[in-house]
C-alpha cells in the first residue's frame, strides 16, 4: 500500500494554532465506520453517544516540559534539546539542534549551570544520548527551565501550559500530548460515569515517532519508534468486562488504541502488564479489542491517518477528511475531534 494514498489537501489556515476557551466546545464529526455516513456535532454531545456498559479508555500520561535551550560550553553557541526517552542514571535520548556540532563529549549548559548535559552517545537517526548532572530534583529543574514541546505546525506561544495537558494527566513521561483527550473536562467525564460508562486509565508515554513523517514509499517498509506503556490490573478488568458483556471498548486517542492492541493476547484478553511497543496499525490490521475511537484530525500521509483508516476504511476516512476541510473544521493538536462509531 502506497503512503501517497493517505494524502489530502489541507489549507494552512485550518491548522488550529490555539486551544478553544472551553475544551468541550470543539466540533465533533461522527463517522459511521460501516456506512461512511457523517454527522456534525459539538464535542460535549459525546455523552449521548455512549451507552451504559461501554468502556472508555483514556491515556493518563503527562507531558513534561521537554524542550530545553542551552549553550555549548566550548563556544557559547545556542543549542536546543528535546527530551525523548529517559534511560538509567540520568541519561536521556534526545533530539538536538543543531545536532552535527554536538559530538560525543560536548557539554551543554542550561540555566547558567542549573543543569549540565554531556553527549555520551549517538543512536538511531542521529539522536543524542545526553547524561545530565544537577543538584536537587531533576523534575523541579525541568519545570523551571523547560518549555512545552509543541508540534512544529503550532507557531503561536502557549499562554497556559495546562491546555496542552489532559485534565486526567497523571504519569509524567510524554514528549507530546495525547490530543484527543484535550476535549474532555472533569464535568464531562463525571457525566459519562453517571451514565454507567466505565472509564479505564492506561498509560502510553508519547514519543515523537508517532508524529514523524513516513519517509518510505510503501507502508510495509515503515518502522515505528518504540514507546513505553502500562496497563493496570484494574484497567484490564474493566476492558475485559465490557468485551465479555457484549459492550463496546471506545478508545480516546490513537495512543490508547495502540496501548490496548499491543497489550492484548491473541484472544483479545488483557492482563496487568507493561513494556515497549512498536505497533504500526494500518489497513488490513484486525483489531483485537477496539470497537470505536475518539480522535483528532491528523496530518496527511501520517501513521495516524493510516490507523484510523484501518478502523473505518480508507475511502470512508478520506471522504470524511474532505468533508471536514469543506466544513472548515480545525485540524491537528488543538483542533476538532472525530468519533468513529458503529452506531447510526
C-alpha atoms as a PDB file:
ATOM      1  CA  UNK A   1       0.000   0.000   0.000  1.00  0.00           C
ATOM      2  CA  UNK A   2       1.393   3.395  -1.019  1.00  0.00           C
ATOM      3  CA  UNK A   3       1.894   6.194   1.506  1.00  0.00           C
ATOM      4  CA  UNK A   4       0.554   8.734  -1.011  1.00  0.00           C
ATOM      5  CA  UNK A   5      -2.845   7.017  -0.832  1.00  0.00           C
ATOM      6  CA  UNK A   6      -3.256   8.762   2.524  1.00  0.00           C
ATOM      7  CA  UNK A   7      -2.621  12.293   1.287  1.00  0.00           C
ATOM      8  CA  UNK A   8      -5.169  15.097   1.258  1.00  0.00           C
ATOM      9  CA  UNK A   9      -5.217  18.844   0.612  1.00  0.00           C
ATOM     10  CA  UNK A  10      -5.311  20.967   3.777  1.00  0.00           C
ATOM     11  CA  UNK A  11      -5.430  24.783   3.688  1.00  0.00           C
ATOM     12  CA  UNK A  12      -2.893  26.118   6.169  1.00  0.00           C
ATOM     13  CA  UNK A  13      -5.454  28.339   7.874  1.00  0.00           C
ATOM     14  CA  UNK A  14      -7.320  25.248   9.110  1.00  0.00           C
ATOM     15  CA  UNK A  15      -4.386  24.201  11.328  1.00  0.00           C
ATOM     16  CA  UNK A  16      -5.516  25.213  14.823  1.00  0.00           C
ATOM     17  CA  UNK A  17      -2.918  27.464  16.458  1.00  0.00           C
ATOM     18  CA  UNK A  18      -4.633  27.958  19.819  1.00  0.00           C
ATOM     19  CA  UNK A  19      -6.913  25.892  22.050  1.00  0.00           C
ATOM     20  CA  UNK A  20     -10.531  26.972  22.376  1.00  0.00           C
ATOM     21  CA  UNK A  21     -11.542  28.788  25.563  1.00  0.00           C
ATOM     22  CA  UNK A  22     -13.697  25.836  26.618  1.00  0.00           C
ATOM     23  CA  UNK A  23     -12.353  22.333  25.957  1.00  0.00           C
ATOM     24  CA  UNK A  24     -15.705  20.647  25.267  1.00  0.00           C
ATOM     25  CA  UNK A  25     -16.870  23.236  22.714  1.00  0.00           C
ATOM     26  CA  UNK A  26     -14.782  21.776  19.901  1.00  0.00           C
ATOM     27  CA  UNK A  27     -16.707  20.452  16.944  1.00  0.00           C
ATOM     28  CA  UNK A  28     -17.214  16.707  16.687  1.00  0.00           C
ATOM     29  CA  UNK A  29     -17.558  14.853  13.404  1.00  0.00           C
ATOM     30  CA  UNK A  30     -19.258  11.478  13.869  1.00  0.00           C
ATOM     31  CA  UNK A  31     -18.224   8.893  11.266  1.00  0.00           C
ATOM     32  CA  UNK A  32     -20.031   5.569  10.937  1.00  0.00           C
ATOM     33  CA  UNK A  33     -17.228   3.119  10.228  1.00  0.00           C
ATOM     34  CA  UNK A  34     -19.546   0.724   8.387  1.00  0.00           C
ATOM     35  CA  UNK A  35     -21.522   3.063   6.137  1.00  0.00           C
ATOM     36  CA  UNK A  36     -19.228   6.096   5.964  1.00  0.00           C
ATOM     37  CA  UNK A  37     -22.134   8.360   6.966  1.00  0.00           C
ATOM     38  CA  UNK A  38     -21.078  11.621   8.628  1.00  0.00           C
ATOM     39  CA  UNK A  39     -22.841  13.818  11.197  1.00  0.00           C
ATOM     40  CA  UNK A  40     -21.755  17.125  12.747  1.00  0.00           C
ATOM     41  CA  UNK A  41     -21.957  17.792  16.486  1.00  0.00           C
ATOM     42  CA  UNK A  42     -20.324  19.645  19.388  1.00  0.00           C
ATOM     43  CA  UNK A  43     -17.890  17.607  21.478  1.00  0.00           C
ATOM     44  CA  UNK A  44     -19.979  17.608  24.652  1.00  0.00           C
ATOM     45  CA  UNK A  45     -22.649  15.687  22.678  1.00  0.00           C
ATOM     46  CA  UNK A  46     -20.374  12.638  23.085  1.00  0.00           C
ATOM     47  CA  UNK A  47     -22.166  11.791  26.346  1.00  0.00           C
ATOM     48  CA  UNK A  48     -25.341  10.969  24.424  1.00  0.00           C
ATOM     49  CA  UNK A  49     -23.434   8.692  22.045  1.00  0.00           C
ATOM     50  CA  UNK A  50     -22.031   6.455  24.775  1.00  0.00           C
ATOM     51  CA  UNK A  51     -24.084   3.617  26.265  1.00  0.00           C
ATOM     52  CA  UNK A  52     -24.240   2.086  29.757  1.00  0.00           C
ATOM     53  CA  UNK A  53     -21.757  -0.791  29.901  1.00  0.00           C
ATOM     54  CA  UNK A  54     -19.369   0.773  27.376  1.00  0.00           C
ATOM     55  CA  UNK A  55     -15.750   1.177  28.480  1.00  0.00           C
ATOM     56  CA  UNK A  56     -13.971   4.429  27.661  1.00  0.00           C
ATOM     57  CA  UNK A  57     -10.176   4.008  27.601  1.00  0.00           C
ATOM     58  CA  UNK A  58      -8.079   7.100  28.336  1.00  0.00           C
ATOM     59  CA  UNK A  59      -4.312   7.664  28.333  1.00  0.00           C
ATOM     60  CA  UNK A  60      -3.263   9.328  31.589  1.00  0.00           C
ATOM     61  CA  UNK A  61       0.272  10.204  30.507  1.00  0.00           C
ATOM     62  CA  UNK A  62       1.520  13.691  31.357  1.00  0.00           C
ATOM     63  CA  UNK A  63       3.621  15.851  29.046  1.00  0.00           C
ATOM     64  CA  UNK A  64       6.893  17.022  30.535  1.00  0.00           C
ATOM     65  CA  UNK A  65       8.345  20.456  29.649  1.00  0.00           C
ATOM     66  CA  UNK A  66      10.782  18.589  27.443  1.00  0.00           C
ATOM     67  CA  UNK A  67      12.229  21.416  25.312  1.00  0.00           C
ATOM     68  CA  UNK A  68      15.414  22.900  26.758  1.00  0.00           C
ATOM     69  CA  UNK A  69      17.547  25.774  25.478  1.00  0.00           C
ATOM     70  CA  UNK A  70      21.215  25.880  26.401  1.00  0.00           C
ATOM     71  CA  UNK A  71      24.681  26.832  25.171  1.00  0.00           C
ATOM     72  CA  UNK A  72      27.741  24.766  24.269  1.00  0.00           C
ATOM     73  CA  UNK A  73      30.355  25.314  26.964  1.00  0.00           C
ATOM     74  CA  UNK A  74      33.206  25.362  24.440  1.00  0.00           C
ATOM     75  CA  UNK A  75      31.789  28.019  22.103  1.00  0.00           C
ATOM     76  CA  UNK A  76      28.684  29.585  23.675  1.00  0.00           C
ATOM     77  CA  UNK A  77      26.659  28.526  20.607  1.00  0.00           C
ATOM     78  CA  UNK A  78      22.931  28.104  21.234  1.00  0.00           C
ATOM     79  CA  UNK A  79      21.616  24.543  21.405  1.00  0.00           C
ATOM     80  CA  UNK A  80      18.031  23.254  21.529  1.00  0.00           C
ATOM     81  CA  UNK A  81      17.453  19.876  23.180  1.00  0.00           C
ATOM     82  CA  UNK A  82      14.212  17.896  23.151  1.00  0.00           C
ATOM     83  CA  UNK A  83      13.971  15.096  25.712  1.00  0.00           C
ATOM     84  CA  UNK A  84      12.551  11.944  24.126  1.00  0.00           C
ATOM     85  CA  UNK A  85      13.170   8.903  26.292  1.00  0.00           C
ATOM     86  CA  UNK A  86      14.515   8.527  29.808  1.00  0.00           C
ATOM     87  CA  UNK A  87      17.155   5.880  30.438  1.00  0.00           C
ATOM     88  CA  UNK A  88      19.104   4.928  33.544  1.00  0.00           C
ATOM     89  CA  UNK A  89      21.481   7.146  35.549  1.00  0.00           C
ATOM     90  CA  UNK A  90      20.043  10.454  34.231  1.00  0.00           C
ATOM     91  CA  UNK A  91      20.806   9.565  30.604  1.00  0.00           C
ATOM     92  CA  UNK A  92      18.145  10.661  28.090  1.00  0.00           C
ATOM     93  CA  UNK A  93      17.701  10.015  24.404  1.00  0.00           C
ATOM     94  CA  UNK A  94      17.276  13.460  22.875  1.00  0.00           C
ATOM     95  CA  UNK A  95      16.776  15.350  19.634  1.00  0.00           C
ATOM     96  CA  UNK A  96      19.410  18.087  19.372  1.00  0.00           C
ATOM     97  CA  UNK A  97      19.501  21.122  17.078  1.00  0.00           C
ATOM     98  CA  UNK A  98      21.971  21.696  15.555  1.00  0.00           C
ATOM     99  CA  UNK A  99      22.926  18.071  16.015  1.00  0.00           C
ATOM    100  CA  UNK A 100      26.048  17.823  13.851  1.00  0.00           C
ATOM    101  CA  UNK A 101      28.038  20.111  16.148  1.00  0.00           C
ATOM    102  CA  UNK A 102      27.157  18.024  19.226  1.00  0.00           C
ATOM    103  CA  UNK A 103      29.673  15.201  19.071  1.00  0.00           C
ATOM    104  CA  UNK A 104      30.373  12.794  21.930  1.00  0.00           C
ATOM    105  CA  UNK A 105      31.970  14.755  24.761  1.00  0.00           C
ATOM    106  CA  UNK A 106      30.156  18.020  24.002  1.00  0.00           C
ATOM    107  CA  UNK A 107      28.930  19.723  27.190  1.00  0.00           C
ATOM    108  CA  UNK A 108      25.791  21.875  27.203  1.00  0.00           C
ATOM    109  CA  UNK A 109      24.968  24.408  29.907  1.00  0.00           C
ATOM    110  CA  UNK A 110      21.304  25.099  30.770  1.00  0.00           C
ATOM    111  CA  UNK A 111      20.036  27.845  33.074  1.00  0.00           C
ATOM    112  CA  UNK A 112      23.505  29.242  33.827  1.00  0.00           C
ATOM    113  CA  UNK A 113      24.687  25.990  35.311  1.00  0.00           C
ATOM    114  CA  UNK A 114      21.499  24.743  36.959  1.00  0.00           C
ATOM    115  CA  UNK A 115      21.686  21.779  34.588  1.00  0.00           C
ATOM    116  CA  UNK A 116      24.667  20.408  32.662  1.00  0.00           C
ATOM    117  CA  UNK A 117      24.349  17.891  29.848  1.00  0.00           C
ATOM    118  CA  UNK A 118      27.124  15.856  28.243  1.00  0.00           C
ATOM    119  CA  UNK A 119      26.692  13.963  24.970  1.00  0.00           C
ATOM    120  CA  UNK A 120      27.674  10.364  25.707  1.00  0.00           C
ATOM    121  CA  UNK A 121      26.367   8.571  22.619  1.00  0.00           C
ATOM    122  CA  UNK A 122      24.691   8.757  19.217  1.00  0.00           C
ATOM    123  CA  UNK A 123      21.803   6.433  18.369  1.00  0.00           C
ATOM    124  CA  UNK A 124      19.163   5.860  15.685  1.00  0.00           C
ATOM    125  CA  UNK A 125      18.601   8.723  13.210  1.00  0.00           C
ATOM    126  CA  UNK A 126      21.292  10.793  14.897  1.00  0.00           C
ATOM    127  CA  UNK A 127      19.524  11.225  18.239  1.00  0.00           C
ATOM    128  CA  UNK A 128      21.964  12.050  21.038  1.00  0.00           C
ATOM    129  CA  UNK A 129      22.274  10.326  24.394  1.00  0.00           C
ATOM    130  CA  UNK A 130      22.843  13.044  26.992  1.00  0.00           C
ATOM    131  CA  UNK A 131      23.817  12.479  30.630  1.00  0.00           C
ATOM    132  CA  UNK A 132      22.578  15.256  32.906  1.00  0.00           C
ATOM    133  CA  UNK A 133      24.185  16.432  36.133  1.00  0.00           C
ATOM    134  CA  UNK A 134      22.495  18.784  38.605  1.00  0.00           C
ATOM    135  CA  UNK A 135      21.868  19.488  42.259  1.00  0.00           C
ATOM    136  CA  UNK A 136      18.394  18.903  43.614  1.00  0.00           C
ATOM    137  CA  UNK A 137      15.428  17.216  41.903  1.00  0.00           C
ATOM    138  CA  UNK A 138      15.545  16.828  38.120  1.00  0.00           C
ATOM    139  CA  UNK A 139      11.769  17.280  37.653  1.00  0.00           C
ATOM    140  CA  UNK A 140      11.822  20.578  39.561  1.00  0.00           C
ATOM    141  CA  UNK A 141      14.727  21.892  37.487  1.00  0.00           C
ATOM    142  CA  UNK A 142      12.976  20.780  34.288  1.00  0.00           C
ATOM    143  CA  UNK A 143       9.805  22.543  35.385  1.00  0.00           C
ATOM    144  CA  UNK A 144      11.858  25.706  35.897  1.00  0.00           C
ATOM    145  CA  UNK A 145      13.896  25.606  32.670  1.00  0.00           C
ATOM    146  CA  UNK A 146      11.867  23.553  30.194  1.00  0.00           C
ATOM    147  CA  UNK A 147       9.165  24.554  27.746  1.00  0.00           C
ATOM    148  CA  UNK A 148       6.217  22.542  26.467  1.00  0.00           C
ATOM    149  CA  UNK A 149       7.253  20.698  23.273  1.00  0.00           C
ATOM    150  CA  UNK A 150       4.504  21.943  20.961  1.00  0.00           C
ATOM    151  CA  UNK A 151       4.470  20.421  17.456  1.00  0.00           C
ATOM    152  CA  UNK A 152       6.272  22.437  14.749  1.00  0.00           C
ATOM    153  CA  UNK A 153       2.998  23.325  12.980  1.00  0.00           C
ATOM    154  CA  UNK A 154       1.915  25.365  16.030  1.00  0.00           C
ATOM    155  CA  UNK A 155       3.663  28.722  15.785  1.00  0.00           C
ATOM    156  CA  UNK A 156       1.721  30.628  18.480  1.00  0.00           C
ATOM    157  CA  UNK A 157       3.039  30.774  22.021  1.00  0.00           C
ATOM    158  CA  UNK A 158       1.054  28.698  24.514  1.00  0.00           C
ATOM    159  CA  UNK A 159      -0.197  31.016  27.265  1.00  0.00           C
ATOM    160  CA  UNK A 160      -1.375  28.301  29.652  1.00  0.00           C
ATOM    161  CA  UNK A 161       0.728  25.116  29.947  1.00  0.00           C
ATOM    162  CA  UNK A 162      -2.258  23.169  31.276  1.00  0.00           C
ATOM    163  CA  UNK A 163      -4.039  23.485  27.934  1.00  0.00           C
ATOM    164  CA  UNK A 164      -1.510  21.045  26.449  1.00  0.00           C
ATOM    165  CA  UNK A 165      -2.368  18.528  29.189  1.00  0.00           C
ATOM    166  CA  UNK A 166      -5.492  16.427  29.572  1.00  0.00           C
ATOM    167  CA  UNK A 167      -7.480  17.027  32.770  1.00  0.00           C
ATOM    168  CA  UNK A 168      -6.640  13.442  33.776  1.00  0.00           C
ATOM    169  CA  UNK A 169      -2.861  13.585  33.120  1.00  0.00           C
ATOM    170  CA  UNK A 170      -1.001  11.820  35.961  1.00  0.00           C
ATOM    171  CA  UNK A 171       2.146   9.935  34.941  1.00  0.00           C
ATOM    172  CA  UNK A 172       4.949  12.168  33.615  1.00  0.00           C
ATOM    173  CA  UNK A 173       6.888  10.997  30.580  1.00  0.00           C
ATOM    174  CA  UNK A 174       5.435  12.214  27.258  1.00  0.00           C
ATOM    175  CA  UNK A 175       7.115  14.406  24.669  1.00  0.00           C
ATOM    176  CA  UNK A 176       3.685  15.209  23.176  1.00  0.00           C
ATOM    177  CA  UNK A 177       0.107  15.259  24.428  1.00  0.00           C
ATOM    178  CA  UNK A 178      -2.475  12.564  23.635  1.00  0.00           C
ATOM    179  CA  UNK A 179      -4.503  15.293  21.991  1.00  0.00           C
ATOM    180  CA  UNK A 180      -7.889  13.567  21.595  1.00  0.00           C
ATOM    181  CA  UNK A 181      -8.138  13.773  25.375  1.00  0.00           C
ATOM    182  CA  UNK A 182      -7.790  17.572  25.407  1.00  0.00           C
ATOM    183  CA  UNK A 183     -11.528  17.928  24.668  1.00  0.00           C
ATOM    184  CA  UNK A 184     -12.653  16.379  27.952  1.00  0.00           C
ATOM    185  CA  UNK A 185     -13.492  18.354  31.088  1.00  0.00           C
ATOM    186  CA  UNK A 186     -13.841  16.893  34.578  1.00  0.00           C
ATOM    187  CA  UNK A 187     -17.578  17.637  34.391  1.00  0.00           C
ATOM    188  CA  UNK A 188     -17.905  15.788  31.083  1.00  0.00           C
ATOM    189  CA  UNK A 189     -16.116  12.749  32.486  1.00  0.00           C
ATOM    190  CA  UNK A 190     -18.404  12.782  35.526  1.00  0.00           C
ATOM    191  CA  UNK A 191     -21.487  12.882  33.273  1.00  0.00           C
ATOM    192  CA  UNK A 192     -20.074   9.888  31.376  1.00  0.00           C
ATOM    193  CA  UNK A 193     -19.554   7.936  34.615  1.00  0.00           C
ATOM    194  CA  UNK A 194     -23.065   8.789  35.802  1.00  0.00           C
ATOM    195  CA  UNK A 195     -24.415   7.294  32.586  1.00  0.00           C
ATOM    196  CA  UNK A 196     -22.952   3.911  33.537  1.00  0.00           C
ATOM    197  CA  UNK A 197     -19.875   4.008  31.324  1.00  0.00           C
ATOM    198  CA  UNK A 198     -16.690   2.526  32.799  1.00  0.00           C
ATOM    199  CA  UNK A 199     -13.541   4.634  32.395  1.00  0.00           C
ATOM    200  CA  UNK A 200     -10.286   2.668  32.201  1.00  0.00           C
ATOM    201  CA  UNK A 201      -6.965   4.510  32.537  1.00  0.00           C
ATOM    202  CA  UNK A 202      -3.911   3.213  30.682  1.00  0.00           C
ATOM    203  CA  UNK A 203      -0.539   4.886  30.145  1.00  0.00           C
ATOM    204  CA  UNK A 204       1.493   5.320  26.976  1.00  0.00           C
ATOM    205  CA  UNK A 205       4.291   7.871  27.013  1.00  0.00           C
ATOM    206  CA  UNK A 206       4.023   9.534  23.624  1.00  0.00           C
ATOM    207  CA  UNK A 207       7.257   9.913  21.679  1.00  0.00           C
ATOM    208  CA  UNK A 208       7.871  11.939  18.549  1.00  0.00           C
ATOM    209  CA  UNK A 209       7.926   8.775  16.453  1.00  0.00           C
ATOM    210  CA  UNK A 210       4.129   8.887  16.373  1.00  0.00           C
ATOM    211  CA  UNK A 211       4.246  12.197  14.501  1.00  0.00           C
ATOM    212  CA  UNK A 212       7.322  11.760  12.345  1.00  0.00           C
ATOM    213  CA  UNK A 213       6.675  11.770   8.614  1.00  0.00           C
ATOM    214  CA  UNK A 214       6.691   8.433   6.830  1.00  0.00           C
ATOM    215  CA  UNK A 215       9.782   8.587   4.624  1.00  0.00           C
ATOM    216  CA  UNK A 216       9.281   5.346   2.690  1.00  0.00           C
ATOM    217  CA  UNK A 217       7.025   4.790  -0.311  1.00  0.00           C
ATOM    218  CA  UNK A 218       5.132   1.761   0.928  1.00  0.00           C
ATOM    219  CA  UNK A 219       3.600   1.288   4.392  1.00  0.00           C
ATOM    220  CA  UNK A 220       5.186  -2.111   4.920  1.00  0.00           C
ATOM    221  CA  UNK A 221       8.680  -0.544   4.895  1.00  0.00           C
ATOM    222  CA  UNK A 222       7.943   1.919   7.720  1.00  0.00           C
ATOM    223  CA  UNK A 223       9.322   1.235  11.203  1.00  0.00           C
ATOM    224  CA  UNK A 224       7.656   2.801  14.246  1.00  0.00           C
ATOM    225  CA  UNK A 225       9.706   4.092  17.175  1.00  0.00           C
ATOM    226  CA  UNK A 226       9.144   2.313  20.485  1.00  0.00           C
ATOM    227  CA  UNK A 227       7.031   3.855  23.255  1.00  0.00           C
ATOM    228  CA  UNK A 228       6.562   2.693  26.841  1.00  0.00           C
ATOM    229  CA  UNK A 229       3.095   1.624  28.044  1.00  0.00           C
ATOM    230  CA  UNK A 230       1.437   0.341  31.202  1.00  0.00           C
ATOM    231  CA  UNK A 231      -1.907  -1.415  31.730  1.00  0.00           C
ATOM    232  CA  UNK A 232      -3.045  -1.817  35.349  1.00  0.00           C
ATOM    233  CA  UNK A 233      -4.985  -4.804  36.659  1.00  0.00           C
ATOM    234  CA  UNK A 234      -7.985  -2.501  37.227  1.00  0.00           C
ATOM    235  CA  UNK A 235      -7.949  -1.202  33.630  1.00  0.00           C
ATOM    236  CA  UNK A 236      -7.590  -4.730  32.232  1.00  0.00           C
ATOM    237  CA  UNK A 237     -10.543  -5.904  34.316  1.00  0.00           C
ATOM    238  CA  UNK A 238     -12.793  -3.046  33.146  1.00  0.00           C
ATOM    239  CA  UNK A 239     -11.936  -3.578  29.475  1.00  0.00           C
ATOM    240  CA  UNK A 240     -12.336  -7.354  29.673  1.00  0.00           C
ATOM    241  CA  UNK A 241     -15.679  -6.925  31.429  1.00  0.00           C
ATOM    242  CA  UNK A 242     -17.026  -4.702  28.646  1.00  0.00           C
ATOM    243  CA  UNK A 243     -15.973  -7.219  25.996  1.00  0.00           C
ATOM    244  CA  UNK A 244     -17.373 -10.183  27.943  1.00  0.00           C
ATOM    245  CA  UNK A 245     -20.761  -8.491  28.350  1.00  0.00           C
ATOM    246  CA  UNK A 246     -21.065  -7.533  24.683  1.00  0.00           C
ATOM    247  CA  UNK A 247     -20.432  -3.820  25.207  1.00  0.00           C
ATOM    248  CA  UNK A 248     -18.042  -1.563  23.331  1.00  0.00           C
ATOM    249  CA  UNK A 249     -14.461  -0.570  24.087  1.00  0.00           C
ATOM    250  CA  UNK A 250     -14.020   3.029  22.971  1.00  0.00           C
ATOM    251  CA  UNK A 251     -10.518   4.489  22.988  1.00  0.00           C
ATOM    252  CA  UNK A 252      -9.779   8.171  23.446  1.00  0.00           C
ATOM    253  CA  UNK A 253      -6.936   8.753  21.030  1.00  0.00           C
ATOM    254  CA  UNK A 254      -4.651   6.631  18.908  1.00  0.00           C
ATOM    255  CA  UNK A 255      -2.260   6.216  21.857  1.00  0.00           C
ATOM    256  CA  UNK A 256      -4.901   4.462  23.988  1.00  0.00           C
ATOM    257  CA  UNK A 257      -5.748   2.304  20.971  1.00  0.00           C
ATOM    258  CA  UNK A 258      -2.114   1.329  20.392  1.00  0.00           C
ATOM    259  CA  UNK A 259      -1.703   0.535  24.089  1.00  0.00           C
ATOM    260  CA  UNK A 260      -4.545  -1.963  24.394  1.00  0.00           C
ATOM    261  CA  UNK A 261      -3.887  -3.513  20.987  1.00  0.00           C
ATOM    262  CA  UNK A 262      -0.235  -4.004  21.951  1.00  0.00           C
ATOM    263  CA  UNK A 263      -1.074  -5.465  25.355  1.00  0.00           C
ATOM    264  CA  UNK A 264      -3.855  -7.846  24.235  1.00  0.00           C
ATOM    265  CA  UNK A 265      -3.195 -11.556  23.812  1.00  0.00           C
ATOM    266  CA  UNK A 266      -4.270 -13.486  20.702  1.00  0.00           C
ATOM    267  CA  UNK A 267      -7.745 -13.985  22.206  1.00  0.00           C
ATOM    268  CA  UNK A 268      -8.272 -10.264  22.769  1.00  0.00           C
ATOM    269  CA  UNK A 269      -7.800 -10.505  26.547  1.00  0.00           C
ATOM    270  CA  UNK A 270      -5.894  -8.032  28.702  1.00  0.00           C
ATOM    271  CA  UNK A 271      -3.937  -8.508  31.898  1.00  0.00           C
ATOM    272  CA  UNK A 272      -1.769  -6.237  34.010  1.00  0.00           C
ATOM    273  CA  UNK A 273       1.417  -5.567  32.045  1.00  0.00           C
ATOM    274  CA  UNK A 274       3.949  -3.005  30.879  1.00  0.00           C
ATOM    275  CA  UNK A 275       6.506  -2.848  28.113  1.00  0.00           C
ATOM    276  CA  UNK A 276       7.600  -1.162  24.894  1.00  0.00           C
ATOM    277  CA  UNK A 277       5.510  -1.130  21.746  1.00  0.00           C
ATOM    278  CA  UNK A 278       6.380  -0.524  18.110  1.00  0.00           C
ATOM    279  CA  UNK A 279       2.924  -1.489  16.848  1.00  0.00           C
ATOM    280  CA  UNK A 280       2.035   0.019  13.450  1.00  0.00           C
ATOM    281  CA  UNK A 281      -1.661  -0.189  12.653  1.00  0.00           C
ATOM    282  CA  UNK A 282      -2.700   0.328   9.032  1.00  0.00           C
ATOM    283  CA  UNK A 283      -5.430  -1.032   6.700  1.00  0.00           C
ATOM    284  CA  UNK A 284      -5.588  -4.796   6.868  1.00  0.00           C
ATOM    285  CA  UNK A 285      -4.983  -4.864  10.614  1.00  0.00           C
ATOM    286  CA  UNK A 286      -7.545  -6.877  12.604  1.00  0.00           C
ATOM    287  CA  UNK A 287      -8.420  -5.152  15.863  1.00  0.00           C
ATOM    288  CA  UNK A 288      -8.356  -7.446  18.888  1.00  0.00           C
ATOM    289  CA  UNK A 289     -10.179  -5.187  21.363  1.00  0.00           C
ATOM    290  CA  UNK A 290     -11.002  -1.736  19.994  1.00  0.00           C
ATOM    291  CA  UNK A 291     -14.540  -1.100  18.744  1.00  0.00           C
ATOM    292  CA  UNK A 292     -14.724   2.692  18.405  1.00  0.00           C
ATOM    293  CA  UNK A 293     -12.317   5.620  18.527  1.00  0.00           C
ATOM    294  CA  UNK A 294     -12.399   9.283  19.549  1.00  0.00           C
ATOM    295  CA  UNK A 295      -9.564  11.074  17.774  1.00  0.00           C
ATOM    296  CA  UNK A 296      -8.445  14.369  16.243  1.00  0.00           C
ATOM    297  CA  UNK A 297      -7.808  15.132  12.568  1.00  0.00           C
ATOM    298  CA  UNK A 298      -4.292  14.051  11.641  1.00  0.00           C
ATOM    299  CA  UNK A 299      -1.503  15.095   9.284  1.00  0.00           C
ATOM    300  CA  UNK A 300      -1.593  13.951   5.649  1.00  0.00           C
ATOM    301  CA  UNK A 301       0.358  10.722   4.982  1.00  0.00           C
ATOM    302  CA  UNK A 302       0.849  10.175   8.739  1.00  0.00           C
ATOM    303  CA  UNK A 303       0.747   6.844  10.572  1.00  0.00           C
ATOM    304  CA  UNK A 304      -2.246   8.225  12.498  1.00  0.00           C
ATOM    305  CA  UNK A 305      -4.332   8.664   9.347  1.00  0.00           C
ATOM    306  CA  UNK A 306      -3.366   5.091   8.492  1.00  0.00           C
ATOM    307  CA  UNK A 307      -4.554   3.870  11.903  1.00  0.00           C
ATOM    308  CA  UNK A 308      -7.998   5.472  11.598  1.00  0.00           C
ATOM    309  CA  UNK A 309      -8.210   4.129   8.048  1.00  0.00           C
ATOM    310  CA  UNK A 310      -7.612   0.628   9.418  1.00  0.00           C
ATOM    311  CA  UNK A 311     -10.678   1.082  11.628  1.00  0.00           C
ATOM    312  CA  UNK A 312     -13.098   2.865   9.303  1.00  0.00           C
ATOM    313  CA  UNK A 313     -11.735   2.116   5.825  1.00  0.00           C
ATOM    314  CA  UNK A 314      -9.503   4.409   3.762  1.00  0.00           C
ATOM    315  CA  UNK A 315     -12.304   5.525   1.439  1.00  0.00           C
ATOM    316  CA  UNK A 316     -14.582   6.495   4.340  1.00  0.00           C
ATOM    317  CA  UNK A 317     -11.801   8.319   6.182  1.00  0.00           C
ATOM    318  CA  UNK A 318     -10.516  10.270   3.188  1.00  0.00           C
ATOM    319  CA  UNK A 319     -14.087  11.278   2.266  1.00  0.00           C
ATOM    320  CA  UNK A 320     -14.668  12.404   5.869  1.00  0.00           C
ATOM    321  CA  UNK A 321     -11.462  14.464   5.809  1.00  0.00           C
ATOM    322  CA  UNK A 322     -12.570  16.077   2.567  1.00  0.00           C
ATOM    323  CA  UNK A 323     -15.864  16.939   4.249  1.00  0.00           C
ATOM    324  CA  UNK A 324     -14.013  18.330   7.277  1.00  0.00           C
ATOM    325  CA  UNK A 325     -11.979  20.664   5.044  1.00  0.00           C
ATOM    326  CA  UNK A 326     -15.137  21.777   3.249  1.00  0.00           C
ATOM    327  CA  UNK A 327     -16.898  22.437   6.583  1.00  0.00           C
ATOM    328  CA  UNK A 328     -13.878  24.325   7.925  1.00  0.00           C
ATOM    329  CA  UNK A 329     -13.073  22.033  10.833  1.00  0.00           C
ATOM    330  CA  UNK A 330      -9.944  22.855  12.853  1.00  0.00           C
ATOM    331  CA  UNK A 331      -7.102  20.358  12.391  1.00  0.00           C
ATOM    332  CA  UNK A 332      -4.341  18.710  14.433  1.00  0.00           C
ATOM    333  CA  UNK A 333      -3.415  19.040  18.128  1.00  0.00           C
ATOM    334  CA  UNK A 334      -5.635  21.964  19.166  1.00  0.00           C
ATOM    335  CA  UNK A 335      -8.245  21.166  16.535  1.00  0.00           C
ATOM    336  CA  UNK A 336     -11.648  19.476  16.456  1.00  0.00           C
ATOM    337  CA  UNK A 337     -12.473  15.822  17.044  1.00  0.00           C
ATOM    338  CA  UNK A 338     -13.880  12.808  15.240  1.00  0.00           C
ATOM    339  CA  UNK A 339     -15.846   9.914  16.748  1.00  0.00           C
ATOM    340  CA  UNK A 340     -15.532   6.746  14.680  1.00  0.00           C
ATOM    341  CA  UNK A 341     -18.500   4.660  15.760  1.00  0.00           C
ATOM    342  CA  UNK A 342     -20.563   1.628  14.809  1.00  0.00           C
ATOM    343  CA  UNK A 343     -23.912   3.311  15.535  1.00  0.00           C
ATOM    344  CA  UNK A 344     -26.201   5.464  13.402  1.00  0.00           C
END
